[in-house]
């Protein structure tokens, strides 16, 4: 008797990351059929109930219901693999138990290991792991995570790829419509990208000793400043190292450069 192909659901609020994981799975596990892709935890639950996949790849942090909450709803009805982006507190919690997890950006070798474990469980017809207690512990750790630590990475769309940009390499952030433009350095090149996180939300997560808001729409890395010149109406202009563009300093934030 021929066994049916295993099926999977991928949930991630970033479309490019969903598609990238689907491509990697297609290459590493051709027999696996990705039958649903969800944009958030609530949609993941709905699509799971509709499609009943064998495996769910769930991003830990999604808007609305997160991946942990979605997994708690799914329970032992599917094998769950969590995907996380440099959330060390989460990785530590996973490593202490038996939960499967992948760290973004997903590496082929790590994915191959995860696939091998899943294939073995499916071959042995093993039920999904009973991890209810561990998931409850992880949900609590996410809820009470130390948010006082400065942000270390930014996840940004660059063309058709998604990059994890070290915050220390960012020169400035500029609000633009509903998005935020990230300008950063990579070796000797200067690059720009777009993220969906608001400037206001980012401001509370950045290291205040390294980054300063200088305008309602601009945050600058103080290490990236070449010099500052006075402008009209008690404002100023920031000149950046290696960049031709300048940044405005509004009257509200001029006190940051009062030594001029």
Foldseek 3Di string as FASTA:
>chain_A
DDDQQAEEEEEALDVLLSVVVVVLCCVLPVSYHHPYYHNALVRLLVVCVVPQGQEYEAEQDGPDDGRLNSCLSCAQSHAYEYEYEPPVLLVVLCVVDPHHYAYPVGDSVSVNVVVVVVVVCVVVVPTHDRCNVSSVVSVVCVVPPPLQAADQWDWFDDPSHIDTHGPVQWFKWFDDVQWIKTWGDDPPDIDITIDRDGPVVNVNRHDCVQWDDQDPGMIGGPVQFPDKADDPPQKIWTDGPPDPDIDIGDNVRSVVVVVD
